[in-house]
Structure formats: structure tokens, C-alpha cells
Amino acid sequence: MRVTTFEGIVENGRIRLPATVQLPERAKVYVVIPDVEVQTVVYIGSPRLVHPEQAAYFKKEVVEELPDASL
């Protein structure tokens, strides 16, 4: 695998390379960012049912208990 390096600038969330750089469409590129600390964003997904028709099995029922006077 042959590797070539170009320096670019991020403007409005897009990487801009010098005008003299012409890459073919759908070229595979790798982005290396020196001296920048990127904060990790945590994603917590919501569980999904494999069979949505089983959702009724998970229906919750709220039952209120009266306080126990003997305590």
C-alpha cells in the first residue's frame, strides 16, 4: 500500500485540502489529527424488542400499598 500525505484545514466541519490536490471519487482516506484532544461522546441505546408484538408481556402495573399501622 502506497501512502501520500497532504495537509488540510477544517472549515465549517469539512476538511479542505489545497486546490492542487485532486483525489479520485470514493478514494479511501485516513485522517490523522495532531495535537487535538477529542472528547468521547457516550451513546446509550434504548433496548429494542426482536418481536415488537411481545411488548404487551412487559406492561407494568402500579400497585399502591397502604402503610402498615403495626410498625
Protein backbone atom coordinates (compact mmCIF):
# COMPACT_ATOMS: atom_id res chain seq x y z
CA MET A 1 0.00 0.00 0.00
CA ARG A 2 1.38 3.36 -1.02
CA VAL A 3 0.75 6.36 1.27
CA THR A 4 0.79 10.07 0.42
CA THR A 5 0.35 12.85 2.99
CA PHE A 6 -1.42 16.20 2.47
CA GLU A 7 -2.06 18.98 4.96
CA GLY A 8 -5.58 20.35 5.08
CA ILE A 9 -7.77 22.64 7.17
CA VAL A 10 -11.17 22.04 8.80
CA GLU A 11 -13.66 24.74 7.79
CA ASN A 12 -17.35 24.54 8.73
CA GLY A 13 -16.93 20.91 9.75
CA ARG A 14 -15.38 19.85 6.44
CA ILE A 15 -11.78 19.06 5.59
CA ARG A 16 -10.42 21.35 2.89
CA LEU A 17 -7.31 20.25 1.01
CA PRO A 18 -5.15 22.57 -1.09
CA ALA A 19 -6.60 23.32 -4.54
CA THR A 20 -3.69 21.49 -6.18
CA VAL A 21 -4.77 18.18 -4.62
CA GLN A 22 -7.12 16.17 -6.85
CA LEU A 23 -8.32 12.87 -5.40
CA PRO A 24 -10.38 10.33 -7.32
CA GLU A 25 -14.03 9.90 -6.32
CA ARG A 26 -14.59 7.44 -3.47
CA ALA A 27 -10.86 7.38 -2.65
CA LYS A 28 -10.15 5.81 0.75
CA VAL A 29 -8.52 8.37 3.04
CA TYR A 30 -7.26 8.35 6.63
CA VAL A 31 -7.41 11.43 8.85
CA VAL A 32 -4.68 11.95 11.46
CA ILE A 33 -5.23 14.88 13.83
CA PRO A 34 -2.10 16.05 15.68
CA ASP A 35 -2.20 17.93 19.00
CA VAL A 36 -6.01 17.90 19.40
CA GLU A 37 -7.86 16.26 22.27
CA VAL A 38 -11.24 14.94 21.17
CA GLN A 39 -13.87 14.31 23.85
CA THR A 40 -15.53 10.94 23.69
CA VAL A 41 -19.32 11.03 23.38
CA VAL A 42 -21.11 8.21 25.15
CA TYR A 43 -24.14 6.72 23.45
CA ILE A 44 -26.58 4.67 25.50
CA GLY A 45 -29.01 2.98 23.17
CA SER A 46 -32.53 2.08 24.06
CA PRO A 47 -33.29 -1.64 24.11
CA ARG A 48 -35.39 -2.94 21.25
CA LEU A 49 -37.61 -5.99 21.09
CA VAL A 50 -36.85 -8.54 18.43
CA HIS A 51 -40.59 -9.24 18.21
CA PRO A 52 -42.49 -5.97 18.88
CA GLU A 53 -45.75 -7.89 19.22
CA GLN A 54 -44.39 -9.16 22.57
CA ALA A 55 -44.49 -5.62 24.06
CA ALA A 56 -47.68 -6.47 25.96
CA TYR A 57 -45.70 -9.01 28.03
CA PHE A 58 -43.75 -6.12 29.57
CA LYS A 59 -46.73 -3.98 30.57
CA LYS A 60 -46.26 -2.60 34.10
CA GLU A 61 -48.95 -2.45 36.73
CA VAL A 62 -48.65 0.06 39.58
CA VAL A 63 -49.99 -1.16 42.91
CA GLU A 64 -50.13 1.23 45.84
CA GLU A 65 -49.82 -0.33 49.27
CA LEU A 66 -51.36 1.15 52.38
CA PRO A 67 -48.94 1.95 55.21
CA ASP A 68 -48.68 -0.84 57.77
CA ALA A 69 -50.05 0.54 61.07
CA SER A 70 -48.46 -2.23 63.13
CA LEU A 71 -44.91 -0.99 62.56
